[in-house]
N, C-alpha and C. Protein backbone atom coordinates (compact mmCIF):
# COMPACT_ATOMS: atom_id res chain seq x y z
N MET A 1 -2.07 9.56 15.80
CA MET A 1 -0.85 9.72 15.03
C MET A 1 -1.05 9.12 13.64
N GLY A 2 -0.75 9.88 12.61
CA GLY A 2 -0.91 9.41 11.25
C GLY A 2 0.25 8.56 10.78
N HIS A 3 -0.04 7.67 9.89
CA HIS A 3 0.97 6.78 9.31
C HIS A 3 1.14 7.10 7.83
N GLU A 4 2.33 6.81 7.30
CA GLU A 4 2.56 6.91 5.87
C GLU A 4 2.32 5.52 5.28
N ILE A 5 1.30 5.41 4.45
CA ILE A 5 0.92 4.13 3.85
C ILE A 5 1.20 4.19 2.36
N GLU A 6 1.91 3.18 1.86
CA GLU A 6 2.17 3.06 0.44
C GLU A 6 1.64 1.71 -0.01
N ILE A 7 0.90 1.70 -1.12
CA ILE A 7 0.38 0.45 -1.65
C ILE A 7 0.95 0.25 -3.05
N PHE A 8 1.61 -0.88 -3.24
CA PHE A 8 2.16 -1.23 -4.54
C PHE A 8 1.17 -2.15 -5.22
N THR A 9 0.69 -1.72 -6.39
CA THR A 9 -0.36 -2.44 -7.11
C THR A 9 0.08 -2.73 -8.54
N SER A 10 -0.77 -3.51 -9.23
CA SER A 10 -0.51 -3.79 -10.65
C SER A 10 -1.76 -3.62 -11.49
N GLY A 11 -2.76 -2.95 -10.94
CA GLY A 11 -3.98 -2.68 -11.70
C GLY A 11 -5.01 -3.80 -11.70
N CYS A 12 -4.76 -4.88 -10.96
CA CYS A 12 -5.70 -6.00 -10.93
C CYS A 12 -6.86 -5.72 -9.96
N TYR A 13 -7.89 -6.55 -10.02
CA TYR A 13 -9.05 -6.33 -9.16
C TYR A 13 -8.71 -6.49 -7.68
N LEU A 14 -7.79 -7.41 -7.34
CA LEU A 14 -7.38 -7.55 -5.93
C LEU A 14 -6.68 -6.29 -5.44
N CYS A 15 -5.92 -5.69 -6.32
CA CYS A 15 -5.23 -4.45 -5.96
C CYS A 15 -6.23 -3.32 -5.75
N ARG A 16 -7.20 -3.20 -6.62
CA ARG A 16 -8.23 -2.15 -6.46
C ARG A 16 -9.00 -2.35 -5.16
N GLU A 17 -9.35 -3.62 -4.85
CA GLU A 17 -10.05 -3.90 -3.60
C GLU A 17 -9.18 -3.57 -2.40
N THR A 18 -7.88 -3.84 -2.51
CA THR A 18 -6.96 -3.53 -1.41
C THR A 18 -6.92 -2.03 -1.14
N VAL A 19 -6.83 -1.24 -2.18
CA VAL A 19 -6.82 0.22 -2.02
C VAL A 19 -8.10 0.67 -1.33
N GLU A 20 -9.26 0.13 -1.75
CA GLU A 20 -10.54 0.48 -1.13
C GLU A 20 -10.56 0.09 0.35
N ILE A 21 -10.04 -1.07 0.67
CA ILE A 21 -10.01 -1.54 2.06
C ILE A 21 -9.15 -0.62 2.92
N VAL A 22 -7.99 -0.26 2.42
CA VAL A 22 -7.10 0.62 3.19
C VAL A 22 -7.73 2.00 3.34
N GLU A 23 -8.37 2.50 2.30
CA GLU A 23 -9.07 3.79 2.40
C GLU A 23 -10.10 3.77 3.53
N LYS A 24 -10.85 2.67 3.63
CA LYS A 24 -11.87 2.54 4.68
C LYS A 24 -11.25 2.44 6.07
N ALA A 25 -10.11 1.76 6.17
CA ALA A 25 -9.53 1.45 7.47
C ALA A 25 -8.62 2.54 8.03
N LYS A 26 -8.02 3.34 7.19
CA LYS A 26 -7.01 4.29 7.66
C LYS A 26 -7.63 5.44 8.43
N CYS A 27 -6.80 6.08 9.25
CA CYS A 27 -7.26 7.24 10.01
C CYS A 27 -7.18 8.49 9.14
N SER A 28 -7.80 9.55 9.57
CA SER A 28 -7.83 10.78 8.77
C SER A 28 -6.46 11.44 8.68
N GLU A 29 -5.57 11.16 9.63
CA GLU A 29 -4.23 11.74 9.60
C GLU A 29 -3.25 10.92 8.75
N CYS A 30 -3.64 9.71 8.36
CA CYS A 30 -2.77 8.85 7.56
C CYS A 30 -2.69 9.35 6.12
N THR A 31 -1.51 9.22 5.52
CA THR A 31 -1.36 9.54 4.11
C THR A 31 -1.28 8.24 3.32
N LEU A 32 -1.90 8.22 2.16
CA LEU A 32 -1.93 7.01 1.34
C LEU A 32 -1.44 7.34 -0.05
N THR A 33 -0.44 6.58 -0.51
CA THR A 33 0.09 6.72 -1.86
C THR A 33 0.02 5.36 -2.53
N GLU A 34 -0.53 5.35 -3.74
CA GLU A 34 -0.59 4.11 -4.52
C GLU A 34 0.44 4.19 -5.64
N TYR A 35 1.23 3.13 -5.77
CA TYR A 35 2.18 3.01 -6.86
C TYR A 35 1.75 1.84 -7.74
N ASN A 36 1.25 2.14 -8.93
CA ASN A 36 0.82 1.10 -9.86
C ASN A 36 2.03 0.71 -10.71
N LEU A 37 2.59 -0.44 -10.43
CA LEU A 37 3.81 -0.89 -11.10
C LEU A 37 3.56 -1.32 -12.55
N ALA A 38 2.30 -1.47 -12.93
CA ALA A 38 1.97 -1.84 -14.31
C ALA A 38 2.01 -0.63 -15.24
N GLU A 39 1.97 0.57 -14.64
CA GLU A 39 2.03 1.80 -15.42
C GLU A 39 3.39 2.45 -15.20
N LYS A 40 3.86 3.13 -16.20
CA LYS A 40 5.15 3.80 -16.08
C LYS A 40 5.00 5.06 -15.22
N CYS A 41 5.83 5.18 -14.20
CA CYS A 41 5.83 6.37 -13.36
C CYS A 41 6.55 7.49 -14.09
N GLU A 42 6.06 8.70 -13.94
CA GLU A 42 6.70 9.84 -14.58
C GLU A 42 8.12 10.03 -14.05
N SER A 43 8.30 9.88 -12.75
CA SER A 43 9.61 10.15 -12.15
C SER A 43 10.36 8.88 -11.79
N GLU A 44 9.78 7.73 -12.08
CA GLU A 44 10.38 6.42 -11.74
C GLU A 44 10.42 6.18 -10.23
N ILE A 45 9.74 7.04 -9.46
CA ILE A 45 9.75 6.90 -8.00
C ILE A 45 9.17 5.55 -7.57
N CYS A 46 8.16 5.07 -8.29
CA CYS A 46 7.55 3.80 -7.88
C CYS A 46 8.54 2.64 -7.99
N LEU A 47 9.36 2.65 -9.03
CA LEU A 47 10.34 1.57 -9.19
C LEU A 47 11.45 1.67 -8.14
N VAL A 48 11.87 2.89 -7.85
CA VAL A 48 12.89 3.11 -6.82
C VAL A 48 12.38 2.62 -5.47
N ARG A 49 11.15 2.98 -5.13
CA ARG A 49 10.55 2.58 -3.85
C ARG A 49 10.37 1.06 -3.80
N ALA A 50 9.90 0.47 -4.90
CA ALA A 50 9.69 -0.98 -4.94
C ALA A 50 11.00 -1.73 -4.71
N LYS A 51 12.07 -1.26 -5.31
CA LYS A 51 13.38 -1.88 -5.11
C LYS A 51 13.87 -1.68 -3.68
N LYS A 52 13.66 -0.49 -3.14
CA LYS A 52 14.08 -0.19 -1.77
C LYS A 52 13.45 -1.16 -0.77
N TYR A 53 12.16 -1.42 -0.94
CA TYR A 53 11.45 -2.30 -0.01
C TYR A 53 11.55 -3.77 -0.38
N GLY A 54 12.01 -4.08 -1.57
CA GLY A 54 12.09 -5.47 -2.00
C GLY A 54 10.73 -6.05 -2.32
N ILE A 55 9.88 -5.26 -2.97
CA ILE A 55 8.53 -5.70 -3.33
C ILE A 55 8.63 -6.88 -4.29
N LYS A 56 7.95 -7.98 -3.94
CA LYS A 56 7.99 -9.19 -4.75
C LYS A 56 6.64 -9.58 -5.33
N ALA A 57 5.57 -8.98 -4.79
CA ALA A 57 4.22 -9.33 -5.22
C ALA A 57 3.32 -8.11 -5.06
N THR A 58 2.20 -8.14 -5.77
CA THR A 58 1.20 -7.09 -5.59
C THR A 58 -0.13 -7.74 -5.28
N PRO A 59 -0.94 -7.11 -4.46
CA PRO A 59 -0.68 -5.86 -3.77
C PRO A 59 0.23 -6.07 -2.55
N THR A 60 1.02 -5.06 -2.26
CA THR A 60 1.84 -5.03 -1.05
C THR A 60 1.61 -3.69 -0.37
N ILE A 61 1.39 -3.73 0.93
CA ILE A 61 1.16 -2.52 1.71
C ILE A 61 2.38 -2.27 2.59
N VAL A 62 2.92 -1.06 2.47
CA VAL A 62 4.06 -0.63 3.28
C VAL A 62 3.54 0.44 4.24
N VAL A 63 3.83 0.27 5.53
CA VAL A 63 3.42 1.24 6.53
C VAL A 63 4.67 1.78 7.22
N ASP A 64 4.83 3.09 7.15
CA ASP A 64 5.97 3.76 7.78
C ASP A 64 7.31 3.14 7.39
N GLY A 65 7.44 2.81 6.10
CA GLY A 65 8.71 2.33 5.58
C GLY A 65 8.99 0.85 5.74
N ARG A 66 8.00 0.08 6.20
CA ARG A 66 8.19 -1.37 6.35
C ARG A 66 7.03 -2.12 5.71
N ILE A 67 7.36 -3.23 5.04
CA ILE A 67 6.30 -4.06 4.47
C ILE A 67 5.44 -4.60 5.60
N ALA A 68 4.13 -4.32 5.52
CA ALA A 68 3.20 -4.73 6.57
C ALA A 68 2.32 -5.88 6.11
N ILE A 69 1.89 -5.86 4.85
CA ILE A 69 0.96 -6.87 4.34
C ILE A 69 1.29 -7.14 2.88
N GLU A 70 1.34 -8.42 2.52
CA GLU A 70 1.43 -8.82 1.12
C GLU A 70 0.14 -9.56 0.81
N GLY A 71 -0.54 -9.15 -0.25
CA GLY A 71 -1.83 -9.74 -0.58
C GLY A 71 -2.97 -8.87 -0.08
N LYS A 72 -4.18 -9.29 -0.41
CA LYS A 72 -5.39 -8.53 -0.03
C LYS A 72 -5.71 -8.74 1.44
N PRO A 73 -5.78 -7.66 2.22
CA PRO A 73 -6.07 -7.77 3.65
C PRO A 73 -7.56 -7.59 3.94
N THR A 74 -7.91 -7.72 5.20
CA THR A 74 -9.24 -7.34 5.67
C THR A 74 -9.14 -5.95 6.30
N VAL A 75 -10.27 -5.29 6.46
CA VAL A 75 -10.29 -3.99 7.13
C VAL A 75 -9.74 -4.15 8.55
N GLU A 76 -10.13 -5.23 9.22
CA GLU A 76 -9.68 -5.47 10.58
C GLU A 76 -8.16 -5.61 10.68
N LYS A 77 -7.57 -6.32 9.71
CA LYS A 77 -6.12 -6.50 9.73
C LYS A 77 -5.39 -5.17 9.53
N VAL A 78 -5.89 -4.35 8.62
CA VAL A 78 -5.28 -3.04 8.38
C VAL A 78 -5.39 -2.18 9.64
N LYS A 79 -6.55 -2.15 10.25
CA LYS A 79 -6.74 -1.36 11.48
C LYS A 79 -5.80 -1.83 12.58
N LYS A 80 -5.62 -3.14 12.71
CA LYS A 80 -4.73 -3.69 13.73
C LYS A 80 -3.30 -3.23 13.49
N ILE A 81 -2.85 -3.29 12.26
CA ILE A 81 -1.48 -2.88 11.93
C ILE A 81 -1.29 -1.37 12.18
N LEU A 82 -2.33 -0.60 11.93
CA LEU A 82 -2.26 0.84 12.14
C LEU A 82 -2.51 1.23 13.60
N GLY A 83 -2.85 0.26 14.43
CA GLY A 83 -3.10 0.54 15.85
C GLY A 83 -4.40 1.27 16.10
N LEU A 84 -5.39 0.99 15.26
CA LEU A 84 -6.70 1.66 15.40
C LEU A 84 -7.74 0.76 16.01
C-alpha cells in the first residue's frame, strides 16, 4: 500500500539529505512531494499545507496527513514509519 509523503524543506543541506533518505526508503507505490518553504510557491499550496499541519521546523516529513518526523531521519526510521 502506497503512502502520501510530503516533505517541508527550506533548501538547507539537511533538507536535501532528508529528501534523498526518503527517496531511498519509500516504496514504489508511495508518492513524494517536496515543499520548499524558502521559495515562493506558484499556487501558495506549500504555505496552506504548512499551516494546516502546523509545521514549525524544517525538514518535516508528513505521512498520510500527519507529521511523522521533524528533523533529519535515518532510512531505517522512515521505513519503520512506512511499515516497510
